[in-house]
Amino acid sequence: MNLENFNFSIEYVVVVMAGLILYLLYYVYTKDSHYSRNIRSVASVVEDLNREIFYLKRELKETESAIKKAPQRMSDDEIYQEIERSVYDMVHPLSLALKQIEGNINAIEMEIESRIAQLESGVKQISIPASIHGNDDEKIITMFQQGIAIETIAKELHISKPEVEFVLKINKIK
């Protein structure tokens, strides 16, 4: 009867762990697809910025050639102001786009941090037997090799009989 209960509880634990693993895989898959969409949107913005830079460079070249062809000679101050105006016209859209990208990245970072915090709190709630940490493993193995019964080992170390059997099975002693 005890062996049947033990087998049933092991099967139950395995099913629960399998369910937990499947849930975690589903969660990771959905988050990965969400982050992939965010990355694609950032890539789209970067592509638009590159296209805008290309057009601005072409416009700058056309402006430079028009300035060179101009019959009148501009003063140094006028040239400086024209360059400053052209640079501002080129940089301003880029600055706005970069601010938008920075906002998107900050939002993604905050979401990632919250998801990590949720995962950490979820992992903390999973209880793992103390013997798995190795503190009692050597004691269990030594006592079993000395011929002490599993029930006695469990009582002396204040752990359950299945935990003792689990440690012996992991170490391939029983």
N, C-alpha and C. Protein backbone atom coordinates (compact mmCIF):
# COMPACT_ATOMS: atom_id res chain seq x y z
N MET A 1 0.82 -1.19 0.00
CA MET A 1 0.00 0.00 0.00
C MET A 1 0.86 1.26 0.00
N ASN A 2 1.92 1.29 0.82
CA ASN A 2 2.81 2.45 0.88
C ASN A 2 3.51 2.66 -0.46
N LEU A 3 3.92 1.58 -1.10
CA LEU A 3 4.61 1.68 -2.38
C LEU A 3 3.68 2.23 -3.45
N GLU A 4 2.40 1.84 -3.41
CA GLU A 4 1.44 2.35 -4.38
C GLU A 4 1.21 3.86 -4.16
N ASN A 5 1.10 4.27 -2.91
CA ASN A 5 0.95 5.71 -2.60
C ASN A 5 2.18 6.48 -3.04
N PHE A 6 3.33 5.88 -2.82
CA PHE A 6 4.59 6.53 -3.21
C PHE A 6 4.65 6.68 -4.72
N ASN A 7 4.30 5.61 -5.45
CA ASN A 7 4.32 5.68 -6.91
C ASN A 7 3.29 6.70 -7.40
N PHE A 8 2.11 6.70 -6.77
CA PHE A 8 1.09 7.67 -7.16
C PHE A 8 1.58 9.10 -6.91
N SER A 9 2.22 9.34 -5.77
CA SER A 9 2.69 10.70 -5.47
C SER A 9 3.82 11.09 -6.41
N ILE A 10 4.66 10.16 -6.80
CA ILE A 10 5.73 10.48 -7.75
C ILE A 10 5.11 10.82 -9.10
N GLU A 11 4.11 10.04 -9.50
CA GLU A 11 3.44 10.32 -10.78
C GLU A 11 2.76 11.69 -10.72
N TYR A 12 2.14 11.98 -9.62
CA TYR A 12 1.47 13.27 -9.45
C TYR A 12 2.49 14.41 -9.53
N VAL A 13 3.62 14.25 -8.87
CA VAL A 13 4.67 15.28 -8.89
C VAL A 13 5.20 15.45 -10.31
N VAL A 14 5.40 14.34 -11.02
CA VAL A 14 5.91 14.41 -12.39
C VAL A 14 4.91 15.12 -13.29
N VAL A 15 3.62 14.82 -13.14
CA VAL A 15 2.59 15.47 -13.96
C VAL A 15 2.55 16.96 -13.65
N VAL A 16 2.61 17.32 -12.38
CA VAL A 16 2.57 18.72 -12.00
C VAL A 16 3.80 19.45 -12.55
N MET A 17 4.97 18.84 -12.43
CA MET A 17 6.20 19.46 -12.94
C MET A 17 6.13 19.60 -14.46
N ALA A 18 5.59 18.57 -15.14
CA ALA A 18 5.47 18.64 -16.60
C ALA A 18 4.53 19.79 -16.97
N GLY A 19 3.43 19.91 -16.24
CA GLY A 19 2.50 21.01 -16.50
C GLY A 19 3.16 22.36 -16.28
N LEU A 20 3.94 22.48 -15.22
CA LEU A 20 4.65 23.71 -14.92
C LEU A 20 5.65 24.04 -16.03
N ILE A 21 6.36 23.05 -16.47
CA ILE A 21 7.34 23.26 -17.54
C ILE A 21 6.64 23.68 -18.83
N LEU A 22 5.51 23.04 -19.16
CA LEU A 22 4.77 23.41 -20.36
C LEU A 22 4.26 24.85 -20.26
N TYR A 23 3.77 25.21 -19.08
CA TYR A 23 3.31 26.59 -18.89
C TYR A 23 4.46 27.57 -19.08
N LEU A 24 5.62 27.28 -18.49
CA LEU A 24 6.77 28.17 -18.63
C LEU A 24 7.20 28.27 -20.09
N LEU A 25 7.18 27.16 -20.83
CA LEU A 25 7.53 27.19 -22.26
C LEU A 25 6.54 28.06 -23.03
N TYR A 26 5.25 27.91 -22.74
CA TYR A 26 4.24 28.73 -23.40
C TYR A 26 4.46 30.21 -23.07
N TYR A 27 4.73 30.49 -21.82
CA TYR A 27 4.96 31.87 -21.38
C TYR A 27 6.17 32.46 -22.10
N VAL A 28 7.26 31.73 -22.15
CA VAL A 28 8.47 32.21 -22.82
C VAL A 28 8.20 32.42 -24.31
N TYR A 29 7.46 31.49 -24.93
CA TYR A 29 7.15 31.62 -26.36
C TYR A 29 6.33 32.87 -26.63
N THR A 30 5.31 33.13 -25.81
CA THR A 30 4.48 34.31 -26.04
C THR A 30 5.27 35.59 -25.80
N LYS A 31 6.10 35.61 -24.79
CA LYS A 31 6.91 36.80 -24.53
C LYS A 31 7.92 37.01 -25.64
N ASP A 32 8.49 35.93 -26.15
CA ASP A 32 9.45 36.03 -27.25
C ASP A 32 8.78 36.64 -28.47
N SER A 33 7.57 36.20 -28.79
CA SER A 33 6.86 36.76 -29.95
C SER A 33 6.54 38.23 -29.72
N HIS A 34 6.20 38.58 -28.49
CA HIS A 34 5.91 39.98 -28.15
C HIS A 34 7.16 40.84 -28.34
N TYR A 35 8.27 40.37 -27.83
CA TYR A 35 9.52 41.13 -27.96
C TYR A 35 9.97 41.16 -29.41
N SER A 36 9.72 40.11 -30.17
CA SER A 36 10.07 40.12 -31.59
C SER A 36 9.28 41.20 -32.32
N ARG A 37 8.00 41.34 -31.99
CA ARG A 37 7.21 42.41 -32.62
C ARG A 37 7.79 43.78 -32.26
N ASN A 38 8.18 43.96 -31.01
CA ASN A 38 8.76 45.25 -30.60
C ASN A 38 10.06 45.51 -31.34
N ILE A 39 10.86 44.49 -31.48
CA ILE A 39 12.14 44.65 -32.19
C ILE A 39 11.88 44.98 -33.66
N ARG A 40 10.88 44.33 -34.27
CA ARG A 40 10.56 44.64 -35.67
C ARG A 40 10.11 46.10 -35.81
N SER A 41 9.34 46.58 -34.84
CA SER A 41 8.90 47.98 -34.92
C SER A 41 10.09 48.93 -34.78
N VAL A 42 11.02 48.61 -33.89
CA VAL A 42 12.23 49.43 -33.74
C VAL A 42 13.04 49.37 -35.03
N ALA A 43 13.15 48.19 -35.63
CA ALA A 43 13.89 48.05 -36.88
C ALA A 43 13.23 48.87 -37.98
N SER A 44 11.92 48.91 -37.99
CA SER A 44 11.20 49.71 -38.99
C SER A 44 11.51 51.19 -38.81
N VAL A 45 11.53 51.65 -37.57
CA VAL A 45 11.85 53.05 -37.30
C VAL A 45 13.27 53.37 -37.73
N VAL A 46 14.19 52.45 -37.45
CA VAL A 46 15.59 52.66 -37.84
C VAL A 46 15.70 52.70 -39.37
N GLU A 47 14.95 51.84 -40.05
CA GLU A 47 14.97 51.84 -41.51
C GLU A 47 14.43 53.17 -42.04
N ASP A 48 13.37 53.67 -41.45
CA ASP A 48 12.83 54.99 -41.85
C ASP A 48 13.86 56.09 -41.61
N LEU A 49 14.57 55.99 -40.48
CA LEU A 49 15.60 56.99 -40.19
C LEU A 49 16.72 56.94 -41.23
N ASN A 50 17.13 55.73 -41.59
CA ASN A 50 18.18 55.59 -42.61
C ASN A 50 17.71 56.19 -43.94
N ARG A 51 16.47 55.93 -44.30
CA ARG A 51 15.93 56.49 -45.54
C ARG A 51 15.91 58.01 -45.46
N GLU A 52 15.50 58.55 -44.32
CA GLU A 52 15.46 60.00 -44.13
C GLU A 52 16.87 60.59 -44.19
N ILE A 53 17.83 59.91 -43.61
CA ILE A 53 19.22 60.38 -43.67
C ILE A 53 19.69 60.42 -45.12
N PHE A 54 19.34 59.37 -45.88
CA PHE A 54 19.74 59.33 -47.29
C PHE A 54 19.17 60.53 -48.04
N TYR A 55 17.86 60.81 -47.85
CA TYR A 55 17.25 61.96 -48.54
C TYR A 55 17.85 63.28 -48.08
N LEU A 56 18.16 63.37 -46.80
CA LEU A 56 18.75 64.61 -46.29
C LEU A 56 20.15 64.83 -46.84
N LYS A 57 20.91 63.74 -46.95
CA LYS A 57 22.26 63.87 -47.54
C LYS A 57 22.16 64.33 -48.99
N ARG A 58 21.20 63.74 -49.72
CA ARG A 58 21.02 64.13 -51.12
C ARG A 58 20.61 65.59 -51.20
N GLU A 59 19.71 66.01 -50.32
CA GLU A 59 19.28 67.41 -50.30
C GLU A 59 20.44 68.34 -49.93
N LEU A 60 21.27 67.88 -49.01
CA LEU A 60 22.44 68.68 -48.62
C LEU A 60 23.38 68.86 -49.81
N LYS A 61 23.60 67.78 -50.55
CA LYS A 61 24.47 67.88 -51.73
C LYS A 61 23.88 68.83 -52.76
N GLU A 62 22.56 68.74 -52.96
CA GLU A 62 21.92 69.64 -53.90
C GLU A 62 22.02 71.09 -53.43
N THR A 63 21.87 71.29 -52.14
CA THR A 63 21.98 72.64 -51.59
C THR A 63 23.40 73.17 -51.74
N GLU A 64 24.38 72.30 -51.47
CA GLU A 64 25.78 72.70 -51.63
C GLU A 64 26.09 73.06 -53.08
N SER A 65 25.57 72.23 -54.01
CA SER A 65 25.83 72.54 -55.43
C SER A 65 25.12 73.82 -55.85
N ALA A 66 23.91 74.05 -55.30
CA ALA A 66 23.20 75.30 -55.61
C ALA A 66 23.94 76.50 -55.06
N ILE A 67 24.52 76.33 -53.88
CA ILE A 67 25.29 77.43 -53.28
C ILE A 67 26.52 77.72 -54.12
N LYS A 68 27.17 76.65 -54.60
CA LYS A 68 28.37 76.85 -55.43
C LYS A 68 28.03 77.53 -56.75
N LYS A 69 26.85 77.23 -57.30
CA LYS A 69 26.45 77.80 -58.58
C LYS A 69 25.87 79.21 -58.44
N ALA A 70 25.55 79.60 -57.23
CA ALA A 70 24.93 80.91 -57.01
C ALA A 70 25.86 82.02 -57.50
N PRO A 71 25.32 82.97 -58.25
CA PRO A 71 26.16 84.03 -58.79
C PRO A 71 26.65 85.00 -57.72
N GLN A 72 25.88 85.18 -56.72
CA GLN A 72 26.31 86.12 -55.69
C GLN A 72 27.14 85.43 -54.63
N ARG A 73 28.01 86.09 -54.08
CA ARG A 73 28.92 85.59 -53.06
C ARG A 73 28.31 85.88 -51.71
N MET A 74 28.17 84.79 -50.87
CA MET A 74 27.62 84.98 -49.54
C MET A 74 28.75 85.30 -48.57
N SER A 75 28.40 86.04 -47.56
CA SER A 75 29.40 86.35 -46.55
C SER A 75 29.59 85.12 -45.65
N ASP A 76 30.65 85.12 -44.89
CA ASP A 76 30.93 84.00 -44.00
C ASP A 76 29.80 83.80 -42.98
N ASP A 77 29.25 84.88 -42.48
CA ASP A 77 28.15 84.78 -41.51
C ASP A 77 26.91 84.17 -42.16
N GLU A 78 26.61 84.56 -43.38
CA GLU A 78 25.46 83.99 -44.08
C GLU A 78 25.66 82.50 -44.35
N ILE A 79 26.87 82.13 -44.73
CA ILE A 79 27.18 80.71 -44.96
C ILE A 79 27.01 79.93 -43.66
N TYR A 80 27.54 80.50 -42.59
CA TYR A 80 27.44 79.83 -41.29
C TYR A 80 25.96 79.65 -40.90
N GLN A 81 25.14 80.69 -41.07
CA GLN A 81 23.72 80.60 -40.73
C GLN A 81 23.00 79.58 -41.61
N GLU A 82 23.35 79.56 -42.90
CA GLU A 82 22.71 78.59 -43.82
C GLU A 82 23.08 77.17 -43.43
N ILE A 83 24.32 76.96 -43.10
CA ILE A 83 24.76 75.63 -42.66
C ILE A 83 24.07 75.24 -41.36
N GLU A 84 24.00 76.17 -40.45
CA GLU A 84 23.34 75.90 -39.17
C GLU A 84 21.87 75.55 -39.38
N ARG A 85 21.21 76.26 -40.26
CA ARG A 85 19.81 76.01 -40.56
C ARG A 85 19.64 74.63 -41.22
N SER A 86 20.52 74.31 -42.15
CA SER A 86 20.46 73.01 -42.83
C SER A 86 20.71 71.86 -41.86
N VAL A 87 21.69 72.05 -41.01
CA VAL A 87 22.00 71.00 -40.02
C VAL A 87 20.82 70.83 -39.07
N TYR A 88 20.22 71.92 -38.62
CA TYR A 88 19.07 71.81 -37.73
C TYR A 88 17.92 71.08 -38.42
N ASP A 89 17.68 71.43 -39.69
CA ASP A 89 16.61 70.77 -40.44
C ASP A 89 16.87 69.27 -40.58
N MET A 90 18.13 68.88 -40.68
CA MET A 90 18.47 67.46 -40.81
C MET A 90 18.42 66.74 -39.46
N VAL A 91 18.87 67.40 -38.44
CA VAL A 91 19.02 66.76 -37.13
C VAL A 91 17.70 66.71 -36.36
N HIS A 92 16.84 67.68 -36.53
CA HIS A 92 15.61 67.74 -35.74
C HIS A 92 14.73 66.49 -35.91
N PRO A 93 14.44 66.03 -37.14
CA PRO A 93 13.64 64.79 -37.26
C PRO A 93 14.36 63.58 -36.65
N LEU A 94 15.68 63.55 -36.80
CA LEU A 94 16.44 62.45 -36.20
C LEU A 94 16.35 62.49 -34.68
N SER A 95 16.41 63.68 -34.13
CA SER A 95 16.32 63.83 -32.68
C SER A 95 14.96 63.36 -32.17
N LEU A 96 13.91 63.72 -32.88
CA LEU A 96 12.57 63.28 -32.48
C LEU A 96 12.44 61.75 -32.57
N ALA A 97 12.97 61.18 -33.65
CA ALA A 97 12.91 59.73 -33.81
C ALA A 97 13.71 59.02 -32.73
N LEU A 98 14.87 59.56 -32.39
CA LEU A 98 15.69 58.95 -31.34
C LEU A 98 15.00 59.02 -29.98
N LYS A 99 14.30 60.12 -29.72
CA LYS A 99 13.55 60.21 -28.47
C LYS A 99 12.44 59.16 -28.43
N GLN A 100 11.80 58.94 -29.59
CA GLN A 100 10.75 57.92 -29.66
C GLN A 100 11.35 56.53 -29.43
N ILE A 101 12.49 56.25 -30.03
CA ILE A 101 13.17 54.96 -29.85
C ILE A 101 13.57 54.79 -28.39
N GLU A 102 14.08 55.85 -27.78
CA GLU A 102 14.48 55.78 -26.37
C GLU A 102 13.27 55.46 -25.49
N GLY A 103 12.14 56.08 -25.79
CA GLY A 103 10.91 55.78 -25.04
C GLY A 103 10.49 54.33 -25.21
N ASN A 104 10.57 53.82 -26.45
CA ASN A 104 10.23 52.42 -26.71
C ASN A 104 11.17 51.48 -25.95
N ILE A 105 12.44 51.79 -25.98
CA ILE A 105 13.43 50.95 -25.29
C ILE A 105 13.19 50.98 -23.78
N ASN A 106 12.90 52.15 -23.24
CA ASN A 106 12.62 52.23 -21.81
C ASN A 106 11.38 51.43 -21.44
N ALA A 107 10.36 51.49 -22.29
CA ALA A 107 9.14 50.72 -22.02
C ALA A 107 9.43 49.22 -22.06
N ILE A 108 10.24 48.81 -23.03
CA ILE A 108 10.61 47.39 -23.14
C ILE A 108 11.43 46.97 -21.92
N GLU A 109 12.37 47.81 -21.51
CA GLU A 109 13.18 47.49 -20.33
C GLU A 109 12.32 47.35 -19.08
N MET A 110 11.37 48.25 -18.91
CA MET A 110 10.51 48.18 -17.74
C MET A 110 9.66 46.91 -17.78
N GLU A 111 9.17 46.55 -18.95
CA GLU A 111 8.36 45.33 -19.06
C GLU A 111 9.21 44.10 -18.78
N ILE A 112 10.44 44.09 -19.30
CA ILE A 112 11.34 42.96 -19.05
C ILE A 112 11.63 42.84 -17.56
N GLU A 113 11.92 43.98 -16.91
CA GLU A 113 12.20 43.95 -15.48
C GLU A 113 11.00 43.43 -14.68
N SER A 114 9.81 43.86 -15.06
CA SER A 114 8.63 43.38 -14.32
C SER A 114 8.42 41.89 -14.56
N ARG A 115 8.64 41.43 -15.77
CA ARG A 115 8.49 40.00 -16.07
C ARG A 115 9.53 39.18 -15.32
N ILE A 116 10.75 39.68 -15.24
CA ILE A 116 11.79 38.98 -14.49
C ILE A 116 11.42 38.91 -13.02
N ALA A 117 10.90 40.02 -12.49
CA ALA A 117 10.48 40.03 -11.08
C ALA A 117 9.36 39.02 -10.85
N GLN A 118 8.41 38.94 -11.80
CA GLN A 118 7.33 37.97 -11.68
C GLN A 118 7.87 36.55 -11.72
N LEU A 119 8.80 36.29 -12.62
CA LEU A 119 9.38 34.95 -12.72
C LEU A 119 10.15 34.61 -11.44
N GLU A 120 10.91 35.58 -10.93
CA GLU A 120 11.68 35.32 -9.71
C GLU A 120 10.74 35.01 -8.55
N SER A 121 9.65 35.76 -8.44
CA SER A 121 8.72 35.48 -7.35
C SER A 121 8.05 34.13 -7.54
N GLY A 122 7.77 33.76 -8.77
CA GLY A 122 7.19 32.45 -9.04
C GLY A 122 8.14 31.32 -8.72
N VAL A 123 9.41 31.50 -9.03
CA VAL A 123 10.41 30.47 -8.76
C VAL A 123 10.62 30.34 -7.25
N LYS A 124 10.54 31.46 -6.53
CA LYS A 124 10.73 31.41 -5.07
C LYS A 124 9.61 30.62 -4.40
N GLN A 125 8.43 30.57 -5.04
CA GLN A 125 7.30 29.87 -4.44
C GLN A 125 7.39 28.37 -4.60
N ILE A 126 8.23 27.90 -5.51
CA ILE A 126 8.40 26.46 -5.71
C ILE A 126 9.29 25.95 -4.58
N SER A 127 8.79 24.95 -3.85
CA SER A 127 9.60 24.45 -2.74
C SER A 127 10.38 23.24 -3.20
N ILE A 128 11.63 23.22 -2.83
CA ILE A 128 12.54 22.12 -3.17
C ILE A 128 12.96 21.47 -1.86
N PRO A 129 12.94 20.14 -1.78
CA PRO A 129 13.35 19.48 -0.54
C PRO A 129 14.75 19.90 -0.12
N ALA A 130 14.96 20.02 1.19
CA ALA A 130 16.25 20.47 1.71
C ALA A 130 17.36 19.52 1.34
N SER A 131 17.05 18.23 1.19
CA SER A 131 18.11 17.26 0.91
C SER A 131 18.70 17.45 -0.47
N ILE A 132 17.99 18.09 -1.36
CA ILE A 132 18.51 18.31 -2.70
C ILE A 132 19.70 19.25 -2.66
N HIS A 133 19.77 20.09 -1.66
CA HIS A 133 20.87 21.04 -1.57
C HIS A 133 22.19 20.37 -1.21
N GLY A 134 22.19 19.12 -0.89
CA GLY A 134 23.43 18.42 -0.63
C GLY A 134 23.85 18.40 0.83
N ASN A 135 23.15 19.11 1.70
CA ASN A 135 23.53 19.14 3.10
C ASN A 135 23.34 17.77 3.75
N ASP A 136 22.21 17.13 3.44
CA ASP A 136 21.90 15.86 4.06
C ASP A 136 22.27 14.67 3.16
N ASP A 137 22.63 14.91 1.91
CA ASP A 137 22.91 13.82 0.98
C ASP A 137 24.00 12.89 1.51
N GLU A 138 25.10 13.46 1.93
CA GLU A 138 26.20 12.63 2.41
C GLU A 138 25.80 11.85 3.66
N LYS A 139 25.04 12.50 4.55
CA LYS A 139 24.59 11.81 5.77
C LYS A 139 23.69 10.63 5.40
N ILE A 140 22.76 10.87 4.46
CA ILE A 140 21.84 9.81 4.04
C ILE A 140 22.61 8.64 3.45
N ILE A 141 23.54 8.94 2.56
CA ILE A 141 24.30 7.87 1.89
C ILE A 141 25.12 7.09 2.91
N THR A 142 25.79 7.81 3.79
CA THR A 142 26.63 7.14 4.80
C THR A 142 25.77 6.26 5.70
N MET A 143 24.66 6.78 6.18
CA MET A 143 23.80 6.00 7.08
C MET A 143 23.23 4.77 6.36
N PHE A 144 22.85 4.92 5.10
CA PHE A 144 22.28 3.79 4.35
C PHE A 144 23.35 2.72 4.13
N GLN A 145 24.57 3.16 3.83
CA GLN A 145 25.66 2.20 3.61
C GLN A 145 26.04 1.49 4.91
N GLN A 146 25.73 2.11 6.05
CA GLN A 146 25.99 1.47 7.33
C GLN A 146 24.89 0.48 7.69
N GLY A 147 23.86 0.40 6.85
CA GLY A 147 22.80 -0.58 7.08
C GLY A 147 21.62 -0.03 7.85
N ILE A 148 21.54 1.26 8.03
CA ILE A 148 20.43 1.86 8.77
C ILE A 148 19.22 1.93 7.83
N ALA A 149 18.06 1.60 8.35
CA ALA A 149 16.83 1.55 7.55
C ALA A 149 16.43 2.96 7.10
N ILE A 150 15.74 3.02 5.98
CA ILE A 150 15.32 4.29 5.40
C ILE A 150 14.41 5.06 6.35
N GLU A 151 13.50 4.35 7.02
CA GLU A 151 12.60 5.01 7.97
C GLU A 151 13.39 5.67 9.10
N THR A 152 14.42 4.96 9.59
CA THR A 152 15.24 5.50 10.69
C THR A 152 16.01 6.72 10.23
N ILE A 153 16.56 6.66 9.02
CA ILE A 153 17.31 7.81 8.47
C ILE A 153 16.38 9.02 8.37
N ALA A 154 15.17 8.79 7.88
CA ALA A 154 14.22 9.89 7.73
C ALA A 154 13.89 10.52 9.08
N LYS A 155 13.70 9.68 10.11
CA LYS A 155 13.36 10.20 11.44
C LYS A 155 14.52 10.99 12.03
N GLU A 156 15.74 10.45 11.89
CA GLU A 156 16.90 11.12 12.49
C GLU A 156 17.22 12.45 11.83
N LEU A 157 17.02 12.52 10.53
CA LEU A 157 17.35 13.75 9.81
C LEU A 157 16.15 14.69 9.66
N HIS A 158 15.00 14.27 10.20
CA HIS A 158 13.78 15.09 10.16
C HIS A 158 13.38 15.44 8.73
N ILE A 159 13.40 14.43 7.88
CA ILE A 159 12.94 14.59 6.50
C ILE A 159 12.02 13.42 6.18
N SER A 160 11.33 13.49 5.08
CA SER A 160 10.39 12.43 4.74
C SER A 160 11.11 11.23 4.12
N LYS A 161 10.45 10.10 4.22
CA LYS A 161 10.98 8.87 3.64
C LYS A 161 11.17 8.99 2.13
N PRO A 162 10.19 9.58 1.40
CA PRO A 162 10.40 9.75 -0.04
C PRO A 162 11.63 10.60 -0.38
N GLU A 163 11.93 11.60 0.47
CA GLU A 163 13.13 12.41 0.22
C GLU A 163 14.39 11.56 0.35
N VAL A 164 14.41 10.68 1.36
CA VAL A 164 15.57 9.79 1.54
C VAL A 164 15.69 8.88 0.32
N GLU A 165 14.59 8.29 -0.11
CA GLU A 165 14.63 7.42 -1.28
C GLU A 165 15.03 8.19 -2.53
N PHE A 166 14.58 9.42 -2.64
CA PHE A 166 14.93 10.27 -3.78
C PHE A 166 16.44 10.50 -3.85
N VAL A 167 17.04 10.83 -2.71
CA VAL A 167 18.50 11.06 -2.66
C VAL A 167 19.25 9.77 -3.03
N LEU A 168 18.78 8.63 -2.53
CA LEU A 168 19.45 7.37 -2.84
C LEU A 168 19.31 7.03 -4.33
N LYS A 169 18.15 7.33 -4.91
CA LYS A 169 17.96 7.06 -6.34
C LYS A 169 18.82 7.99 -7.19
N ILE A 170 18.89 9.24 -6.81
CA ILE A 170 19.71 10.19 -7.59
C ILE A 170 21.17 9.76 -7.58
N ASN A 171 21.63 9.29 -6.45
CA ASN A 171 23.03 8.87 -6.34
C ASN A 171 23.24 7.41 -6.76
N LYS A 172 22.17 6.78 -7.30
CA LYS A 172 22.22 5.44 -7.84
C LYS A 172 22.73 4.42 -6.80
N ILE A 173 22.25 4.59 -5.60
CA ILE A 173 22.60 3.67 -4.52
C ILE A 173 21.50 2.65 -4.35
N LYS A 174 20.31 3.04 -4.56
CA LYS A 174 19.19 2.10 -4.41
C LYS A 174 18.42 2.03 -5.69
